[in-house]
Amino acid sequence: MNPAASVVEPGGERRLKITEIFYSLQGEADTVGFPTVFVRLTGCPLRCQFCDTAYAFHGGEWRSVEQVLATVAEYSPRYVCVTGGEPLAQKSCLPLLTRLCDAGYRVSIETSGAMPLAGVDARVVRVVDVKTPGSGEERRNRYDDLTLLRPDEQIKFVICDRNDYEWSREKIHALGLTQRCQVLFSPSAEQLPARELADWILADRLPVRFQMQLHKMLWGNVPGK
């Protein structure tokens, strides 16, 4: 069954394909370091060459929105992050986000730059991963959607090499991104030494936030962390 479809049970309850729900430290963006419940949805229409969650492309299990809410509540979290795969590829993601906000959590979504953002509940913090040339998916970026972002939201560039860095530097200037919201530059873990990216940012005095993935530094590239 296609996880991109809006799946509704006979009783009218929406379902989602879920790869995992787990409790860990947020490894990225503005809540880095805070204990967070992650809801990882299954499926993604992109195939970025550096993807570290390819295990979420397939499989998973169907759960109702109510079941997801019940599992999240077991951890009594303050922060909840909905991620993937690509979570917005499932239409039932939107009502899930709203229900999580209604429950009083601080909710964020990690999404590619390839999916429409307009339908996301205004209470959700959107973290948008703009695809660089090195990702192999640059053509999928929806640049017009970036104008919807608020100052408390974030745009992330995963940098694979010097070409990616220069491309990203030009994009943030051409689109005025640093005047709109937080801009994050991250090194692709297997391709670019973190210190090189840090040196480039400092040399150019770029007004961006350098980040590394805290969860990988602590536990490595393993599911559920």
Protein backbone atom coordinates (compact mmCIF):
# COMPACT_ATOMS: atom_id res chain seq x y z
CA MET A 1 0.00 0.00 0.00
CA ASN A 2 1.25 3.46 -0.88
CA PRO A 3 2.24 5.41 2.29
CA ALA A 4 1.78 8.69 0.40
CA ALA A 5 -1.97 8.12 0.33
CA SER A 6 -4.31 9.46 2.98
CA VAL A 7 -5.39 6.23 4.66
CA VAL A 8 -8.63 6.24 6.61
CA GLU A 9 -10.07 3.28 8.50
CA PRO A 10 -13.75 2.36 8.04
CA GLY A 11 -14.61 4.28 11.23
CA GLY A 12 -13.05 7.43 9.80
CA GLU A 13 -9.83 7.32 11.84
CA ARG A 14 -6.66 8.23 9.99
CA ARG A 15 -3.64 5.94 9.93
CA LEU A 16 0.03 6.44 9.17
CA LYS A 17 2.87 4.11 8.24
CA ILE A 18 5.35 4.34 11.12
CA THR A 19 8.95 3.10 11.11
CA GLU A 20 9.69 3.86 14.77
CA ILE A 21 8.81 6.02 17.75
CA PHE A 22 11.67 6.56 20.14
CA TYR A 23 13.01 8.81 22.89
CA SER A 24 16.42 10.39 22.51
CA LEU A 25 18.30 13.69 22.60
CA GLN A 26 17.58 16.06 19.74
CA GLY A 27 20.72 16.08 17.63
CA GLU A 28 20.07 19.12 15.43
CA ALA A 29 18.43 22.53 15.04
CA ASP A 30 17.44 24.93 17.83
CA THR A 31 16.42 22.31 20.41
CA VAL A 32 19.66 20.33 20.14
CA GLY A 33 20.40 18.44 23.35
CA PHE A 34 16.83 18.38 24.69
CA PRO A 35 15.15 15.02 25.38
CA THR A 36 12.67 14.53 22.54
CA VAL A 37 10.23 11.93 21.26
CA PHE A 38 10.81 11.20 17.58
CA VAL A 39 8.02 9.90 15.37
CA ARG A 40 9.64 8.52 12.23
CA LEU A 41 7.23 8.02 9.35
CA THR A 42 7.90 5.49 6.60
CA GLY A 43 8.57 6.35 2.97
CA CYS A 44 10.35 9.05 0.99
CA PRO A 45 10.14 10.12 -2.67
CA LEU A 46 13.76 11.34 -2.64
CA ARG A 47 16.98 9.34 -2.76
CA CYS A 48 19.70 11.63 -1.41
CA GLN A 49 23.08 9.97 -1.79
CA PHE A 50 24.07 10.76 1.81
CA CYS A 51 20.80 9.61 3.41
CA ASP A 52 21.31 8.07 6.84
CA THR A 53 17.74 6.81 7.30
CA ALA A 54 17.29 4.64 4.21
CA TYR A 55 15.86 1.96 6.50
CA ALA A 56 12.74 4.15 6.69
CA PHE A 57 12.08 3.96 2.94
CA HIS A 58 10.15 0.70 3.25
CA GLY A 59 8.42 -1.47 5.82
CA GLY A 60 6.97 0.10 8.92
CA GLU A 61 3.57 -0.63 10.40
CA TRP A 62 0.20 1.08 10.22
CA ARG A 63 -0.86 2.96 13.33
CA SER A 64 -3.80 5.22 13.93
CA VAL A 65 -3.25 8.81 15.00
CA GLU A 66 -4.66 7.85 18.40
CA GLN A 67 -2.14 5.03 18.75
CA VAL A 68 0.72 7.36 17.89
CA LEU A 69 -0.50 9.91 20.43
CA ALA A 70 -0.76 7.23 23.11
CA THR A 71 2.81 6.04 22.49
CA VAL A 72 4.18 9.58 22.56
CA ALA A 73 2.36 10.29 25.83
CA GLU A 74 4.11 7.36 27.54
CA TYR A 75 7.33 9.41 27.58
CA SER A 76 5.72 12.59 28.99
CA PRO A 77 7.86 14.73 26.67
CA ARG A 78 8.05 18.46 26.21
CA TYR A 79 9.41 18.16 22.66
CA VAL A 80 8.15 15.98 19.81
CA CYS A 81 9.83 15.79 16.41
CA VAL A 82 8.07 14.25 13.40
CA THR A 83 10.58 13.03 10.84
CA GLY A 84 11.17 10.37 8.20
CA GLY A 85 11.88 9.40 5.49
CA GLU A 86 9.84 12.30 4.32
CA PRO A 87 6.92 12.76 6.75
CA LEU A 88 4.92 15.11 4.52
CA ALA A 89 4.71 12.40 1.86
CA GLN A 90 1.91 10.97 4.02
CA LYS A 91 -1.17 13.17 3.97
CA SER A 92 -2.20 11.94 7.40
CA CYS A 93 0.92 13.64 8.77
CA LEU A 94 -0.89 16.98 8.80
CA PRO A 95 -3.68 15.95 11.22
CA LEU A 96 -1.08 14.17 13.35
CA LEU A 97 0.90 17.41 13.70
CA THR A 98 -2.23 19.30 14.72
CA ARG A 99 -3.19 16.68 17.30
CA LEU A 100 0.31 16.75 18.80
CA CYS A 101 0.11 20.53 19.11
CA ASP A 102 -3.34 20.26 20.67
CA ALA A 103 -1.84 17.91 23.26
CA GLY A 104 0.49 20.69 24.41
CA TYR A 105 3.82 19.49 23.03
CA ARG A 106 6.36 21.71 21.32
CA VAL A 107 6.27 20.09 17.90
CA SER A 108 8.79 20.28 15.07
CA ILE A 109 8.94 18.60 11.69
CA GLU A 110 12.05 17.69 9.75
CA THR A 111 11.21 17.80 6.06
CA SER A 112 12.97 18.03 2.72
CA GLY A 113 12.68 21.08 0.54
CA ALA A 114 10.62 19.01 -1.89
CA MET A 115 7.20 18.98 -0.21
CA PRO A 116 4.59 21.76 0.19
CA LEU A 117 4.78 23.53 3.55
CA ALA A 118 1.58 25.60 3.47
CA GLY A 119 -0.66 22.97 5.09
CA VAL A 120 1.48 22.49 8.21
CA ASP A 121 -0.14 23.71 11.45
CA ALA A 122 1.23 27.18 12.28
CA ARG A 123 2.23 25.99 15.76
CA VAL A 124 4.74 23.52 14.32
CA VAL A 125 8.39 24.53 13.90
CA ARG A 126 9.46 23.55 10.39
CA VAL A 127 13.06 22.49 9.75
CA VAL A 128 13.58 22.35 5.99
CA ASP A 129 16.48 20.47 4.44
CA VAL A 130 17.38 22.30 1.22
CA LYS A 131 18.98 19.81 -1.15
CA THR A 132 22.48 20.71 -2.34
CA PRO A 133 23.95 19.52 -5.67
CA GLY A 134 25.91 16.86 -3.78
CA SER A 135 22.67 15.29 -2.56
CA GLY A 136 21.67 14.38 -6.10
CA GLU A 137 18.20 15.85 -5.49
CA GLU A 138 18.75 19.59 -6.02
CA ARG A 139 16.04 19.71 -8.70
CA ARG A 140 13.40 18.84 -6.09
CA ASN A 141 13.77 22.05 -4.06
CA ARG A 142 10.67 24.25 -3.76
CA TYR A 143 12.35 27.61 -3.24
CA ASP A 144 9.09 29.59 -3.17
CA ASP A 145 8.01 27.69 -0.07
CA LEU A 146 11.00 29.04 1.84
CA THR A 147 9.29 32.44 1.90
CA LEU A 148 6.71 30.91 4.26
CA LEU A 149 9.23 30.28 7.02
CA ARG A 150 9.20 32.30 10.25
CA PRO A 151 12.18 33.60 12.27
CA ASP A 152 11.89 30.71 14.75
CA GLU A 153 12.15 28.11 11.96
CA GLN A 154 15.23 26.71 10.27
CA ILE A 155 16.71 25.88 6.88
CA LYS A 156 19.42 23.24 6.81
CA PHE A 157 22.09 22.71 4.15
CA VAL A 158 24.03 19.43 4.28
CA ILE A 159 27.39 20.23 2.70
CA CYS A 160 29.25 17.45 0.86
CA ASP A 161 32.20 19.38 -0.61
CA ARG A 162 33.50 22.81 -1.57
CA ASN A 163 31.11 23.00 -4.53
CA ASP A 164 28.15 22.42 -2.20
CA TYR A 165 29.46 25.09 0.15
CA GLU A 166 29.80 27.71 -2.57
CA TRP A 167 26.38 26.82 -4.00
CA SER A 168 24.80 27.12 -0.53
CA ARG A 169 26.60 30.40 0.18
CA GLU A 170 25.21 31.86 -3.05
CA LYS A 171 21.69 30.58 -2.30
CA ILE A 172 21.48 32.17 1.14
CA HIS A 173 22.57 35.52 -0.29
CA ALA A 174 20.41 35.37 -3.44
CA LEU A 175 17.28 34.34 -1.52
CA GLY A 176 17.94 36.46 1.58
CA LEU A 177 17.55 33.40 3.78
CA THR A 178 19.50 34.62 6.80
CA GLN A 179 17.16 37.60 7.06
CA ARG A 180 14.16 35.27 7.09
CA CYS A 181 15.03 32.51 9.57
CA GLN A 182 17.88 30.50 11.05
CA VAL A 183 20.23 28.92 8.50
CA LEU A 184 22.16 25.81 9.47
CA PHE A 185 25.23 24.39 7.69
CA SER A 186 26.11 20.76 8.46
CA PRO A 187 28.96 18.68 7.05
CA SER A 188 28.00 15.43 5.35
CA ALA A 189 29.43 13.03 7.91
CA GLU A 190 31.13 10.64 5.49
CA GLN A 191 32.31 13.20 2.94
CA LEU A 192 33.47 16.45 4.51
CA PRO A 193 35.63 16.94 7.62
CA ALA A 194 33.71 19.16 10.03
CA ARG A 195 36.69 21.42 10.64
CA GLU A 196 36.96 22.27 6.94
CA LEU A 197 33.37 23.49 6.85
CA ALA A 198 33.90 25.46 10.06
CA ASP A 199 36.99 27.14 8.57
CA TRP A 200 35.11 28.09 5.39
CA ILE A 201 32.27 29.65 7.37
CA LEU A 202 34.67 31.68 9.48
CA ALA A 203 36.78 32.77 6.49
CA ASP A 204 33.68 34.09 4.71
CA ARG A 205 32.10 35.43 7.91
CA LEU A 206 28.84 33.77 6.97
CA PRO A 207 25.92 34.52 9.32
CA VAL A 208 24.96 30.85 9.56
CA ARG A 209 24.92 28.34 12.39
CA PHE A 210 27.43 25.50 12.10
CA GLN A 211 26.10 22.24 13.46
CA MET A 212 27.09 18.63 13.80
CA GLN A 213 24.68 15.81 14.55
CA LEU A 214 24.91 15.29 18.31
CA HIS A 215 23.20 11.91 18.25
CA LYS A 216 25.80 10.54 15.83
CA MET A 217 28.62 11.83 17.98
CA LEU A 218 27.13 10.04 21.00
CA TRP A 219 25.80 6.79 19.53
CA GLY A 220 26.84 6.52 15.90
CA ASN A 221 24.52 5.97 12.97
CA VAL A 222 22.06 3.56 14.56
CA PRO A 223 18.24 3.42 14.40
CA GLY A 224 16.37 4.60 17.48
CA LYS A 225 19.00 7.17 18.52
